[in-house]
Protein backbone atom coordinates (compact mmCIF):
# COMPACT_ATOMS: atom_id res chain seq x y z
CA MET A 1 13.90 2.80 10.96
CA ASN A 2 10.63 4.74 10.80
CA TYR A 3 7.86 3.63 8.48
CA PHE A 4 4.48 4.77 7.30
CA HIS A 5 1.66 2.23 7.37
CA ILE A 6 -0.61 2.61 4.36
CA TYR A 7 -4.01 1.13 3.66
CA CYS A 8 -5.32 1.11 0.14
CA GLU A 9 -8.46 -0.01 -1.65
CA VAL A 10 -7.30 -2.24 -4.50
CA PRO A 11 -9.83 -3.01 -7.26
CA ALA A 12 -9.90 -6.67 -8.31
CA LYS A 13 -8.99 -5.68 -11.88
CA PHE A 14 -5.86 -3.90 -10.58
CA GLY A 15 -4.52 -6.93 -8.73
CA LEU A 16 -2.59 -7.33 -5.53
CA SER A 17 0.60 -8.23 -7.40
CA THR A 18 0.83 -4.73 -8.89
CA PHE A 19 0.32 -3.15 -5.46
CA SER A 20 3.00 -5.41 -4.01
CA ARG A 21 5.44 -4.69 -6.85
CA ILE A 22 5.14 -0.92 -6.34
CA VAL A 23 5.56 -1.16 -2.56
CA LYS A 24 8.62 -3.44 -2.84
CA LYS A 25 10.19 -1.21 -5.51
CA PHE A 26 10.56 1.53 -2.89
CA GLY A 27 11.79 -0.72 -0.06
CA GLY A 28 8.42 -1.39 1.55
CA LYS A 29 6.76 -4.58 2.71
CA CYS A 30 3.16 -5.67 2.20
CA THR A 31 1.53 -6.63 5.49
CA GLY A 32 -1.68 -8.23 4.26
CA TYR A 33 -5.04 -7.80 2.64
CA LYS A 34 -8.71 -8.52 3.22
CA ASN A 35 -11.59 -8.86 0.82
CA LYS A 36 -13.89 -5.86 0.86
CA ILE A 37 -17.32 -6.92 2.12
CA GLY A 38 -19.85 -7.24 -0.68
CA SER A 39 -17.26 -6.74 -3.42
CA SER A 40 -14.46 -8.53 -5.24
CA ASP A 41 -12.09 -5.65 -4.35
CA PHE A 42 -9.45 -5.77 -1.60
CA ILE A 43 -8.14 -3.59 1.20
CA ALA A 44 -4.35 -3.99 1.21
CA SER A 45 -1.81 -2.69 3.71
CA ALA A 46 1.93 -2.14 3.68
CA PHE A 47 4.81 -0.51 5.50
CA ILE A 48 6.82 2.00 3.49
CA PRO A 49 10.00 3.73 4.68
CA LYS A 50 9.74 7.39 5.67
CA GLY A 51 11.15 9.54 2.92
CA LYS A 52 9.72 7.26 0.22
CA GLU A 53 6.03 7.99 0.88
CA LYS A 54 5.65 10.57 -1.89
CA GLU A 55 7.15 8.27 -4.50
CA VAL A 56 4.97 5.33 -3.44
CA LEU A 57 1.78 7.39 -3.33
CA THR A 58 2.58 8.93 -6.73
CA ALA A 59 3.25 5.51 -8.27
CA LEU A 60 0.03 4.05 -6.83
CA GLY A 61 -1.91 7.09 -8.04
CA LYS A 62 -0.50 6.71 -11.55
CA GLU A 63 -1.84 3.15 -11.55
CA GLY A 64 -5.30 4.49 -10.75
CA LEU A 65 -5.56 3.86 -7.01
CA LYS A 66 -7.34 6.69 -5.24
CA ASP A 67 -8.43 5.53 -1.78
CA ILE A 68 -5.11 5.50 0.08
CA PHE A 69 -4.86 6.12 3.82
CA VAL A 70 -1.55 6.79 5.54
CA SER A 71 -0.76 6.26 9.22
CA GLU A 72 2.43 7.88 10.48
CA GLY A 73 4.46 6.49 13.33
CA SER A 74 7.47 4.47 14.31
CA PHE A 75 6.91 0.84 13.43
CA LEU A 76 9.29 -2.06 13.69
CA MET A 77 9.25 -4.01 10.44
CA VAL A 78 10.30 -7.60 10.99
């Protein structure tokens, strides 16, 4: 199955659990996170199935996330 790989800046007040919940709701899988240098915020990443990208991006946007980067390609999610 083809997936999009997304990277997203997640403010500390937003929480990684909310990001994870939204991604999983649409059949995706979180792949990790790193603390943003000099901040308490995070950079989180996830795989989301092709065809669900608009719903995921809309849901993340409604929660207030703005810095979302999408990488298209064929990835094998294990």
